[in-house]
Amino acid sequence: MKNNFQEWQSDFERVPPEIEDRVLQQARTFSAFGKVVEVFVPNALGAVALMIGGEAPTRPVTHGPGAHLDDEVPLWRIPPGRDL
């Protein structure tokens, strides 16, 4: 014996193909947009902050990639005009 929810579910099991395609296209678009935002927005905001007078960190992140390899900052990683 089916209850009301099972009857309702059987009525709406199949979505029309054009609606399914639209939803999938929008999901792909939002996914791509999210990836772009995740990669570029933090760097863009940092660049804007530097342009309006902010300061860049003087040392790399202490727990970033490669931090466990060497405690010294190589000279080529230090921006001109900044000291250790």
N, C-alpha and C. Protein backbone atom coordinates (compact mmCIF):
# COMPACT_ATOMS: atom_id res chain seq x y z
N MET A 1 0.84 -1.18 0.00
CA MET A 1 0.00 0.00 0.00
C MET A 1 0.89 1.25 0.00
N LYS A 2 0.59 2.21 -0.87
CA LYS A 2 1.37 3.43 -0.97
C LYS A 2 0.79 4.51 -0.08
N ASN A 3 1.68 5.26 0.53
CA ASN A 3 1.18 6.42 1.28
C ASN A 3 1.18 7.64 0.35
N ASN A 4 0.73 8.76 0.86
CA ASN A 4 0.60 9.96 0.03
C ASN A 4 1.94 10.42 -0.54
N PHE A 5 2.99 10.33 0.25
CA PHE A 5 4.30 10.78 -0.23
C PHE A 5 4.77 9.91 -1.39
N GLN A 6 4.59 8.61 -1.30
CA GLN A 6 5.01 7.72 -2.39
C GLN A 6 4.22 7.99 -3.66
N GLU A 7 2.97 8.29 -3.53
CA GLU A 7 2.17 8.64 -4.71
C GLU A 7 2.64 9.95 -5.31
N TRP A 8 2.90 10.92 -4.48
CA TRP A 8 3.39 12.23 -4.95
C TRP A 8 4.75 12.07 -5.63
N GLN A 9 5.62 11.24 -5.05
CA GLN A 9 6.95 11.02 -5.60
C GLN A 9 6.84 10.35 -6.98
N SER A 10 5.96 9.40 -7.14
CA SER A 10 5.82 8.71 -8.43
C SER A 10 5.30 9.66 -9.51
N ASP A 11 4.53 10.68 -9.11
CA ASP A 11 4.04 11.67 -10.08
C ASP A 11 5.17 12.56 -10.59
N PHE A 12 6.18 12.83 -9.78
CA PHE A 12 7.23 13.78 -10.12
C PHE A 12 8.61 13.13 -10.30
N GLU A 13 8.64 11.84 -10.58
CA GLU A 13 9.92 11.16 -10.72
C GLU A 13 10.70 11.64 -11.93
N ARG A 14 10.06 11.82 -13.03
CA ARG A 14 10.75 12.18 -14.27
C ARG A 14 10.59 13.66 -14.56
N VAL A 15 11.72 14.34 -14.64
CA VAL A 15 11.73 15.76 -14.98
C VAL A 15 11.84 15.86 -16.50
N PRO A 16 11.14 16.79 -17.11
CA PRO A 16 11.26 16.96 -18.57
C PRO A 16 12.73 17.24 -18.95
N PRO A 17 13.19 16.69 -20.07
CA PRO A 17 14.60 16.82 -20.46
C PRO A 17 15.08 18.26 -20.60
N GLU A 18 14.23 19.15 -21.11
CA GLU A 18 14.68 20.55 -21.28
C GLU A 18 14.91 21.23 -19.93
N ILE A 19 14.11 20.90 -18.95
CA ILE A 19 14.31 21.47 -17.61
C ILE A 19 15.57 20.88 -16.98
N GLU A 20 15.77 19.58 -17.16
CA GLU A 20 16.96 18.93 -16.62
C GLU A 20 18.22 19.52 -17.24
N ASP A 21 18.21 19.75 -18.56
CA ASP A 21 19.37 20.34 -19.23
C ASP A 21 19.65 21.75 -18.73
N ARG A 22 18.59 22.55 -18.57
CA ARG A 22 18.76 23.92 -18.06
C ARG A 22 19.40 23.93 -16.67
N VAL A 23 18.89 23.07 -15.81
CA VAL A 23 19.40 23.00 -14.44
C VAL A 23 20.86 22.57 -14.44
N LEU A 24 21.20 21.57 -15.25
CA LEU A 24 22.59 21.11 -15.32
C LEU A 24 23.50 22.20 -15.88
N GLN A 25 23.06 22.95 -16.89
CA GLN A 25 23.86 24.04 -17.44
C GLN A 25 24.10 25.12 -16.39
N GLN A 26 23.06 25.46 -15.64
CA GLN A 26 23.22 26.47 -14.60
C GLN A 26 24.15 25.97 -13.50
N ALA A 27 24.06 24.70 -13.15
CA ALA A 27 24.96 24.15 -12.13
C ALA A 27 26.40 24.19 -12.60
N ARG A 28 26.63 23.86 -13.86
CA ARG A 28 28.00 23.93 -14.41
C ARG A 28 28.51 25.37 -14.43
N THR A 29 27.65 26.30 -14.81
CA THR A 29 28.05 27.71 -14.84
C THR A 29 28.40 28.19 -13.45
N PHE A 30 27.58 27.89 -12.46
CA PHE A 30 27.86 28.32 -11.10
C PHE A 30 29.12 27.65 -10.56
N SER A 31 29.35 26.41 -10.94
CA SER A 31 30.55 25.70 -10.50
C SER A 31 31.80 26.37 -11.08
N ALA A 32 31.77 26.67 -12.36
CA ALA A 32 32.92 27.34 -13.00
C ALA A 32 33.13 28.73 -12.39
N PHE A 33 32.05 29.47 -12.19
CA PHE A 33 32.16 30.79 -11.59
C PHE A 33 32.73 30.70 -10.18
N GLY A 34 32.30 29.71 -9.42
CA GLY A 34 32.82 29.52 -8.07
C GLY A 34 34.32 29.23 -8.07
N LYS A 35 34.77 28.43 -9.03
CA LYS A 35 36.20 28.14 -9.11
C LYS A 35 37.00 29.39 -9.46
N VAL A 36 36.48 30.20 -10.38
CA VAL A 36 37.17 31.44 -10.74
C VAL A 36 37.24 32.37 -9.53
N VAL A 37 36.15 32.50 -8.83
CA VAL A 37 36.12 33.37 -7.65
C VAL A 37 37.10 32.86 -6.60
N GLU A 38 37.13 31.57 -6.39
CA GLU A 38 38.01 30.98 -5.38
C GLU A 38 39.48 31.24 -5.69
N VAL A 39 39.84 31.22 -6.97
CA VAL A 39 41.24 31.39 -7.35
C VAL A 39 41.64 32.86 -7.43
N PHE A 40 40.83 33.69 -8.07
CA PHE A 40 41.27 35.03 -8.41
C PHE A 40 40.87 36.13 -7.44
N VAL A 41 39.76 36.01 -6.77
CA VAL A 41 39.29 37.10 -5.91
C VAL A 41 40.25 37.41 -4.75
N PRO A 42 40.76 36.42 -4.02
CA PRO A 42 41.69 36.77 -2.93
C PRO A 42 42.93 37.52 -3.43
N ASN A 43 43.49 37.09 -4.56
CA ASN A 43 44.65 37.79 -5.11
C ASN A 43 44.29 39.18 -5.62
N ALA A 44 43.13 39.31 -6.22
CA ALA A 44 42.70 40.62 -6.71
C ALA A 44 42.49 41.58 -5.54
N LEU A 45 41.89 41.10 -4.47
CA LEU A 45 41.68 41.96 -3.30
C LEU A 45 43.02 42.36 -2.68
N GLY A 46 43.96 41.42 -2.64
CA GLY A 46 45.29 41.75 -2.13
C GLY A 46 45.98 42.78 -2.99
N ALA A 47 45.85 42.67 -4.31
CA ALA A 47 46.45 43.65 -5.22
C ALA A 47 45.82 45.03 -5.03
N VAL A 48 44.51 45.08 -4.87
CA VAL A 48 43.83 46.36 -4.64
C VAL A 48 44.29 46.97 -3.32
N ALA A 49 44.42 46.15 -2.30
CA ALA A 49 44.88 46.65 -1.00
C ALA A 49 46.28 47.23 -1.12
N LEU A 50 47.14 46.59 -1.88
CA LEU A 50 48.49 47.13 -2.07
C LEU A 50 48.46 48.44 -2.86
N MET A 51 47.56 48.54 -3.84
CA MET A 51 47.49 49.76 -4.65
C MET A 51 47.00 50.95 -3.85
N ILE A 52 46.14 50.72 -2.87
CA ILE A 52 45.62 51.86 -2.10
C ILE A 52 46.44 52.15 -0.86
N GLY A 53 47.59 51.50 -0.74
CA GLY A 53 48.50 51.87 0.34
C GLY A 53 48.69 50.83 1.41
N GLY A 54 48.20 49.64 1.22
CA GLY A 54 48.41 48.58 2.20
C GLY A 54 49.85 48.08 2.15
N GLU A 55 50.19 47.23 3.06
CA GLU A 55 51.53 46.69 3.10
C GLU A 55 51.50 45.19 2.83
N ALA A 56 52.52 44.74 2.11
CA ALA A 56 52.67 43.31 1.86
C ALA A 56 53.37 42.69 3.06
N PRO A 57 53.13 41.43 3.31
CA PRO A 57 53.85 40.79 4.41
C PRO A 57 55.36 40.79 4.13
N THR A 58 56.14 40.95 5.17
CA THR A 58 57.59 41.03 4.97
C THR A 58 58.21 39.64 4.92
N ARG A 59 57.54 38.64 5.43
CA ARG A 59 58.05 37.28 5.38
C ARG A 59 56.96 36.36 4.84
N PRO A 60 57.36 35.25 4.25
CA PRO A 60 56.33 34.31 3.78
C PRO A 60 55.55 33.71 4.94
N VAL A 61 54.47 33.07 4.63
CA VAL A 61 53.64 32.43 5.64
C VAL A 61 54.47 31.39 6.37
N THR A 62 54.40 31.38 7.71
CA THR A 62 55.26 30.47 8.48
C THR A 62 54.90 29.02 8.29
N HIS A 63 53.65 28.71 8.07
CA HIS A 63 53.25 27.31 7.91
C HIS A 63 52.85 27.00 6.48
N GLY A 64 53.37 27.76 5.53
CA GLY A 64 53.03 27.55 4.12
C GLY A 64 53.85 26.43 3.51
N PRO A 65 53.69 26.21 2.22
CA PRO A 65 54.45 25.16 1.55
C PRO A 65 55.94 25.44 1.61
N GLY A 66 56.72 24.46 1.89
CA GLY A 66 58.17 24.62 1.94
C GLY A 66 58.69 25.16 3.25
N ALA A 67 57.83 25.47 4.21
CA ALA A 67 58.29 26.04 5.48
C ALA A 67 59.10 25.02 6.27
N HIS A 68 58.79 23.76 6.10
CA HIS A 68 59.50 22.74 6.85
C HIS A 68 60.88 22.46 6.27
N LEU A 69 61.15 22.94 5.05
CA LEU A 69 62.42 22.63 4.40
C LEU A 69 63.57 23.52 4.88
N ASP A 70 63.29 24.80 5.05
CA ASP A 70 64.37 25.73 5.35
C ASP A 70 63.81 26.92 6.13
N ASP A 71 64.52 27.35 7.16
CA ASP A 71 64.05 28.50 7.94
C ASP A 71 64.47 29.82 7.32
N GLU A 72 65.48 29.82 6.47
CA GLU A 72 65.95 31.06 5.86
C GLU A 72 65.09 31.40 4.65
N VAL A 73 64.89 32.69 4.44
CA VAL A 73 64.18 33.15 3.25
C VAL A 73 65.22 33.41 2.17
N PRO A 74 65.11 32.75 1.01
CA PRO A 74 66.08 33.00 -0.05
C PRO A 74 66.01 34.46 -0.50
N LEU A 75 67.14 35.01 -0.89
CA LEU A 75 67.19 36.42 -1.27
C LEU A 75 66.28 36.74 -2.45
N TRP A 76 66.09 35.81 -3.34
CA TRP A 76 65.24 36.10 -4.50
C TRP A 76 63.77 36.19 -4.12
N ARG A 77 63.39 35.78 -2.90
CA ARG A 77 61.99 35.86 -2.47
C ARG A 77 61.69 37.16 -1.75
N ILE A 78 62.69 37.96 -1.43
CA ILE A 78 62.48 39.20 -0.70
C ILE A 78 62.24 40.32 -1.71
N PRO A 79 61.11 41.01 -1.66
CA PRO A 79 60.85 42.11 -2.60
C PRO A 79 61.88 43.22 -2.42
N PRO A 80 62.20 43.96 -3.48
CA PRO A 80 63.16 45.06 -3.38
C PRO A 80 62.69 46.09 -2.38
N GLY A 81 63.60 46.62 -1.60
CA GLY A 81 63.27 47.65 -0.63
C GLY A 81 62.81 47.12 0.70
N ARG A 82 62.75 45.82 0.87
CA ARG A 82 62.32 45.23 2.15
C ARG A 82 63.47 44.42 2.71
N ASP A 83 63.58 44.45 4.01
CA ASP A 83 64.63 43.68 4.64
C ASP A 83 64.03 42.58 5.50
N LEU A 84 64.89 41.69 5.96
CA LEU A 84 64.41 40.60 6.80
C LEU A 84 64.08 41.17 8.14
